[in-house]
PDB file of all heavy atoms in Angstrom:
ATOM      1  N   THR A   1      20.252 270.778  -6.400  1.00  0.00           N
ATOM      2  CA  THR A   1      20.735 270.412  -5.028  1.00  0.00           C
ATOM      3  C   THR A   1      20.104 271.407  -4.003  1.00  0.00           C
ATOM      4  O   THR A   1      20.063 270.995  -2.768  1.00  0.00           O
ATOM      5  CB  THR A   1      22.169 270.462  -4.897  1.00  0.00           C
ATOM      6  OG1 THR A   1      22.655 271.785  -5.401  1.00  0.00           O
ATOM      7  CG2 THR A   1      22.801 269.379  -5.796  1.00  0.00           C
ATOM      8  N   GLU A   2      19.606 272.507  -4.409  1.00  0.00           N
ATOM      9  CA  GLU A   2      18.909 273.462  -3.525  1.00  0.00           C
ATOM     10  C   GLU A   2      17.647 273.899  -4.066  1.00  0.00           C
ATOM     11  O   GLU A   2      17.449 275.000  -4.496  1.00  0.00           O
ATOM     12  CB  GLU A   2      19.836 274.734  -3.318  1.00  0.00           C
ATOM     13  CG  GLU A   2      21.102 274.325  -2.597  1.00  0.00           C
ATOM     14  CD  GLU A   2      21.971 275.542  -2.304  1.00  0.00           C
ATOM     15  OE1 GLU A   2      21.540 276.635  -2.718  1.00  0.00           O
ATOM     16  OE2 GLU A   2      22.967 275.360  -1.644  1.00  0.00           O
ATOM     17  N   PRO A   3      16.652 272.935  -4.192  1.00  0.00           N
ATOM     18  CA  PRO A   3      15.380 273.329  -4.800  1.00  0.00           C
ATOM     19  C   PRO A   3      14.583 274.190  -3.886  1.00  0.00           C
ATOM     20  O   PRO A   3      14.927 274.230  -2.712  1.00  0.00           O
ATOM     21  CB  PRO A   3      14.700 272.022  -5.032  1.00  0.00           C
ATOM     22  CG  PRO A   3      15.226 271.065  -3.958  1.00  0.00           C
ATOM     23  CD  PRO A   3      16.706 271.552  -3.859  1.00  0.00           C
ATOM     24  N   ASP A   4      13.592 274.882  -4.402  1.00  0.00           N
ATOM     25  CA  ASP A   4      12.687 275.671  -3.579  1.00  0.00           C
ATOM     26  C   ASP A   4      11.886 274.757  -2.721  1.00  0.00           C
ATOM     27  O   ASP A   4      11.044 273.987  -3.199  1.00  0.00           O
ATOM     28  CB  ASP A   4      11.813 276.603  -4.502  1.00  0.00           C
ATOM     29  CG  ASP A   4      10.881 277.438  -3.667  1.00  0.00           C
ATOM     30  OD1 ASP A   4      10.752 277.353  -2.410  1.00  0.00           O
ATOM     31  OD2 ASP A   4      10.260 278.450  -4.329  1.00  0.00           O
ATOM     32  N   PRO A   5      12.055 274.793  -1.339  1.00  0.00           N
ATOM     33  CA  PRO A   5      11.334 273.834  -0.547  1.00  0.00           C
ATOM     34  C   PRO A   5       9.781 274.087  -0.575  1.00  0.00           C
ATOM     35  O   PRO A   5       9.046 273.153  -0.324  1.00  0.00           O
ATOM     36  CB  PRO A   5      11.863 274.216   0.985  1.00  0.00           C
ATOM     37  CG  PRO A   5      12.420 275.518   0.809  1.00  0.00           C
ATOM     38  CD  PRO A   5      12.942 275.609  -0.600  1.00  0.00           C
ATOM     39  N   TRP A   6       9.371 275.272  -0.900  1.00  0.00           N
ATOM     40  CA  TRP A   6       7.996 275.622  -0.984  1.00  0.00           C
ATOM     41  C   TRP A   6       7.315 274.640  -2.046  1.00  0.00           C
ATOM     42  O   TRP A   6       6.136 274.141  -1.798  1.00  0.00           O
ATOM     43  CB  TRP A   6       7.743 277.042  -1.515  1.00  0.00           C
ATOM     44  CG  TRP A   6       6.339 277.669  -1.241  1.00  0.00           C
ATOM     45  CD1 TRP A   6       5.954 278.514  -0.343  1.00  0.00           C
ATOM     46  CD2 TRP A   6       5.317 277.594  -2.129  1.00  0.00           C
ATOM     47  NE1 TRP A   6       4.713 278.919  -0.537  1.00  0.00           N
ATOM     48  CE2 TRP A   6       4.270 278.314  -1.595  1.00  0.00           C
ATOM     49  CE3 TRP A   6       5.042 276.908  -3.333  1.00  0.00           C
ATOM     50  CZ2 TRP A   6       3.009 278.336  -2.142  1.00  0.00           C
ATOM     51  CZ3 TRP A   6       3.769 276.957  -3.922  1.00  0.00           C
ATOM     52  CH2 TRP A   6       2.742 277.766  -3.324  1.00  0.00           C
ATOM     53  N   LEU A   7       8.111 274.264  -3.036  1.00  0.00           N
ATOM     54  CA  LEU A   7       7.635 273.316  -4.116  1.00  0.00           C
ATOM     55  C   LEU A   7       8.057 271.878  -3.830  1.00  0.00           C
ATOM     56  O   LEU A   7       7.229 271.024  -3.853  1.00  0.00           O
ATOM     57  CB  LEU A   7       8.199 273.836  -5.481  1.00  0.00           C
ATOM     58  CG  LEU A   7       7.874 272.980  -6.698  1.00  0.00           C
ATOM     59  CD1 LEU A   7       6.346 273.078  -7.014  1.00  0.00           C
ATOM     60  CD2 LEU A   7       8.665 273.376  -7.875  1.00  0.00           C
ATOM     61  N   SER A   8       9.356 271.747  -3.570  1.00  0.00           N
ATOM     62  CA  SER A   8       9.909 270.366  -3.513  1.00  0.00           C
ATOM     63  C   SER A   8       9.326 269.511  -2.417  1.00  0.00           C
ATOM     64  O   SER A   8       9.307 268.279  -2.484  1.00  0.00           O
ATOM     65  CB  SER A   8      11.423 270.446  -3.507  1.00  0.00           C
ATOM     66  OG  SER A   8      11.831 271.070  -2.310  1.00  0.00           O
ATOM     67  N   HIS A   9       8.920 270.184  -1.323  1.00  0.00           N
ATOM     68  CA  HIS A   9       8.390 269.377  -0.184  1.00  0.00           C
ATOM     69  C   HIS A   9       7.050 268.689  -0.460  1.00  0.00           C
ATOM     70  O   HIS A   9       6.668 267.796   0.202  1.00  0.00           O
ATOM     71  CB  HIS A   9       8.340 270.184   1.064  1.00  0.00           C
ATOM     72  CG  HIS A   9       9.734 270.552   1.664  1.00  0.00           C
ATOM     73  ND1 HIS A   9       9.798 271.347   2.773  1.00  0.00           N
ATOM     74  CD2 HIS A   9      10.929 270.081   1.322  1.00  0.00           C
ATOM     75  CE1 HIS A   9      11.104 271.353   3.068  1.00  0.00           C
ATOM     76  NE2 HIS A   9      11.795 270.705   2.206  1.00  0.00           N
ATOM     77  N   VAL A  10       6.338 269.275  -1.424  1.00  0.00           N
ATOM     78  CA  VAL A  10       5.001 268.689  -1.654  1.00  0.00           C
ATOM     79  C   VAL A  10       4.726 268.192  -3.124  1.00  0.00           C
ATOM     80  O   VAL A  10       3.745 267.476  -3.380  1.00  0.00           O
ATOM     81  CB  VAL A  10       3.964 269.830  -1.383  1.00  0.00           C
ATOM     82  CG1 VAL A  10       3.929 270.224   0.049  1.00  0.00           C
ATOM     83  CG2 VAL A  10       4.060 270.962  -2.269  1.00  0.00           C
ATOM     84  N   ALA A  11       5.641 268.479  -4.024  1.00  0.00           N
ATOM     85  CA  ALA A  11       5.427 268.162  -5.393  1.00  0.00           C
ATOM     86  C   ALA A  11       5.998 266.798  -5.819  1.00  0.00           C
ATOM     87  O   ALA A  11       7.131 266.497  -5.480  1.00  0.00           O
ATOM     88  CB  ALA A  11       6.067 269.281  -6.306  1.00  0.00           C
ATOM     89  N   ASP A  12       5.143 266.057  -6.585  1.00  0.00           N
ATOM     90  CA  ASP A  12       5.562 264.823  -7.094  1.00  0.00           C
ATOM     91  C   ASP A  12       5.994 265.057  -8.516  1.00  0.00           C
ATOM     92  O   ASP A  12       5.039 265.178  -9.446  1.00  0.00           O
ATOM     93  CB  ASP A  12       4.455 263.728  -7.017  1.00  0.00           C
ATOM     94  CG  ASP A  12       4.891 262.424  -7.375  1.00  0.00           C
ATOM     95  OD1 ASP A  12       5.902 262.229  -8.124  1.00  0.00           O
ATOM     96  OD2 ASP A  12       4.136 261.414  -7.120  1.00  0.00           O
ATOM     97  N   PHE A  13       7.289 265.097  -8.803  1.00  0.00           N
ATOM     98  CA  PHE A  13       7.717 265.470 -10.100  1.00  0.00           C
ATOM     99  C   PHE A  13       7.564 264.359 -11.152  1.00  0.00           C
ATOM    100  O   PHE A  13       7.734 264.570 -12.393  1.00  0.00           O
ATOM    101  CB  PHE A  13       9.257 265.773 -10.062  1.00  0.00           C
ATOM    102  CG  PHE A  13       9.606 267.024  -9.244  1.00  0.00           C
ATOM    103  CD1 PHE A  13      10.047 266.959  -8.001  1.00  0.00           C
ATOM    104  CD2 PHE A  13       9.343 268.305  -9.759  1.00  0.00           C
ATOM    105  CE1 PHE A  13      10.392 268.086  -7.239  1.00  0.00           C
ATOM    106  CE2 PHE A  13       9.672 269.420  -9.107  1.00  0.00           C
ATOM    107  CZ  PHE A  13      10.090 269.354  -7.834  1.00  0.00           C
ATOM    108  N   SER A  14       7.065 263.129 -10.685  1.00  0.00           N
ATOM    109  CA  SER A  14       6.796 262.058 -11.628  1.00  0.00           C
ATOM    110  C   SER A  14       5.276 262.082 -12.052  1.00  0.00           C
ATOM    111  O   SER A  14       4.904 261.162 -12.778  1.00  0.00           O
ATOM    112  CB  SER A  14       7.204 260.726 -11.056  1.00  0.00           C
ATOM    113  OG  SER A  14       6.337 260.377  -9.960  1.00  0.00           O
ATOM    114  N   GLN A  15       4.533 263.067 -11.527  1.00  0.00           N
ATOM    115  CA  GLN A  15       3.064 263.069 -11.768  1.00  0.00           C
ATOM    116  C   GLN A  15       2.736 264.403 -12.312  1.00  0.00           C
ATOM    117  O   GLN A  15       2.144 265.211 -11.581  1.00  0.00           O
ATOM    118  CB  GLN A  15       2.277 262.730 -10.551  1.00  0.00           C
ATOM    119  CG  GLN A  15       2.653 261.454  -9.865  1.00  0.00           C
ATOM    120  CD  GLN A  15       2.180 260.191 -10.715  1.00  0.00           C
ATOM    121  OE1 GLN A  15       1.294 260.393 -11.574  1.00  0.00           O
ATOM    122  NE2 GLN A  15       2.694 259.039 -10.423  1.00  0.00           N
ATOM    123  N   VAL A  16       3.075 264.706 -13.499  1.00  0.00           N
ATOM    124  CA  VAL A  16       2.864 266.067 -14.128  1.00  0.00           C
ATOM    125  C   VAL A  16       1.758 266.048 -15.124  1.00  0.00           C
ATOM    126  O   VAL A  16       1.785 265.160 -16.111  1.00  0.00           O
ATOM    127  CB  VAL A  16       4.219 266.689 -14.640  1.00  0.00           C
ATOM    128  CG1 VAL A  16       3.881 268.099 -15.272  1.00  0.00           C
ATOM    129  CG2 VAL A  16       5.218 266.801 -13.475  1.00  0.00           C
ATOM    130  N   PHE A  17       0.846 266.925 -15.123  1.00  0.00           N
ATOM    131  CA  PHE A  17      -0.203 267.041 -16.149  1.00  0.00           C
ATOM    132  C   PHE A  17      -0.051 268.553 -16.709  1.00  0.00           C
ATOM    133  O   PHE A  17       0.040 269.491 -15.904  1.00  0.00           O
ATOM    134  CB  PHE A  17      -1.553 266.822 -15.572  1.00  0.00           C
ATOM    135  CG  PHE A  17      -1.753 265.369 -15.228  1.00  0.00           C
ATOM    136  CD1 PHE A  17      -1.286 264.859 -13.998  1.00  0.00           C
ATOM    137  CD2 PHE A  17      -2.290 264.429 -16.104  1.00  0.00           C
ATOM    138  CE1 PHE A  17      -1.395 263.547 -13.610  1.00  0.00           C
ATOM    139  CE2 PHE A  17      -2.389 263.117 -15.804  1.00  0.00           C
ATOM    140  CZ  PHE A  17      -1.982 262.640 -14.497  1.00  0.00           C
ATOM    141  N   ILE A  18      -0.273 268.720 -17.926  1.00  0.00           N
ATOM    142  CA  ILE A  18      -0.133 269.978 -18.678  1.00  0.00           C
ATOM    143  C   ILE A  18      -1.510 270.344 -19.231  1.00  0.00           C
ATOM    144  O   ILE A  18      -1.894 269.616 -20.135  1.00  0.00           O
ATOM    145  CB  ILE A  18       1.032 270.118 -19.599  1.00  0.00           C
ATOM    146  CG1 ILE A  18       2.380 269.790 -18.955  1.00  0.00           C
ATOM    147  CG2 ILE A  18       1.042 271.373 -20.398  1.00  0.00           C
ATOM    148  CD1 ILE A  18       3.579 269.672 -19.879  1.00  0.00           C
ATOM    149  N   SER A  19      -2.045 271.370 -18.763  1.00  0.00           N
ATOM    150  CA  SER A  19      -3.359 271.898 -19.316  1.00  0.00           C
ATOM    151  C   SER A  19      -3.193 273.225 -19.827  1.00  0.00           C
ATOM    152  O   SER A  19      -2.249 273.959 -19.431  1.00  0.00           O
ATOM    153  CB  SER A  19      -4.441 271.780 -18.259  1.00  0.00           C
ATOM    154  OG  SER A  19      -4.491 273.005 -17.460  1.00  0.00           O
ATOM    155  N   GLY A  20      -4.138 273.669 -20.738  1.00  0.00           N
ATOM    156  CA  GLY A  20      -4.091 274.933 -21.239  1.00  0.00           C
ATOM    157  C   GLY A  20      -5.529 275.305 -21.685  1.00  0.00           C
ATOM    158  O   GLY A  20      -6.243 274.435 -22.223  1.00  0.00           O
ATOM    159  N   ASP A  21      -5.820 276.591 -21.614  1.00  0.00           N
ATOM    160  CA  ASP A  21      -7.124 277.092 -21.950  1.00  0.00           C
ATOM    161  C   ASP A  21      -7.026 277.918 -23.210  1.00  0.00           C
ATOM    162  O   ASP A  21      -6.186 278.897 -23.323  1.00  0.00           O
ATOM    163  CB  ASP A  21      -7.591 277.978 -20.764  1.00  0.00           C
ATOM    164  CG  ASP A  21      -8.857 278.744 -21.001  1.00  0.00           C
ATOM    165  OD1 ASP A  21      -9.457 278.591 -22.083  1.00  0.00           O
ATOM    166  OD2 ASP A  21      -9.188 279.649 -20.182  1.00  0.00           O
ATOM    167  N   SER A  22      -7.712 277.488 -24.284  1.00  0.00           N
ATOM    168  CA  SER A  22      -7.773 278.213 -25.537  1.00  0.00           C
ATOM    169  C   SER A  22      -6.326 278.365 -26.190  1.00  0.00           C
ATOM    170  O   SER A  22      -5.837 277.259 -26.608  1.00  0.00           O
ATOM    171  CB  SER A  22      -8.347 279.566 -25.350  1.00  0.00           C
ATOM    172  OG  SER A  22      -8.730 280.193 -26.616  1.00  0.00           O
ATOM    173  N   ALA A  23      -5.739 279.450 -26.234  1.00  0.00           N
ATOM    174  CA  ALA A  23      -4.357 279.572 -26.698  1.00  0.00           C
ATOM    175  C   ALA A  23      -3.428 278.741 -25.821  1.00  0.00           C
ATOM    176  O   ALA A  23      -2.526 278.073 -26.427  1.00  0.00           O
ATOM    177  CB  ALA A  23      -3.919 281.037 -26.658  1.00  0.00           C
ATOM    178  N   GLY A  24      -3.688 278.651 -24.540  1.00  0.00           N
ATOM    179  CA  GLY A  24      -2.978 277.792 -23.698  1.00  0.00           C
ATOM    180  C   GLY A  24      -3.119 276.205 -24.101  1.00  0.00           C
ATOM    181  O   GLY A  24      -2.155 275.567 -23.969  1.00  0.00           O
TER     182      GLY A  24
END
């Protein structure tokens, strides 16, 4: 109910991609 506006104002939570490099 109190998300970080720095993130929530611009982030589309339904469009997430997870990448990783080597061990990641």
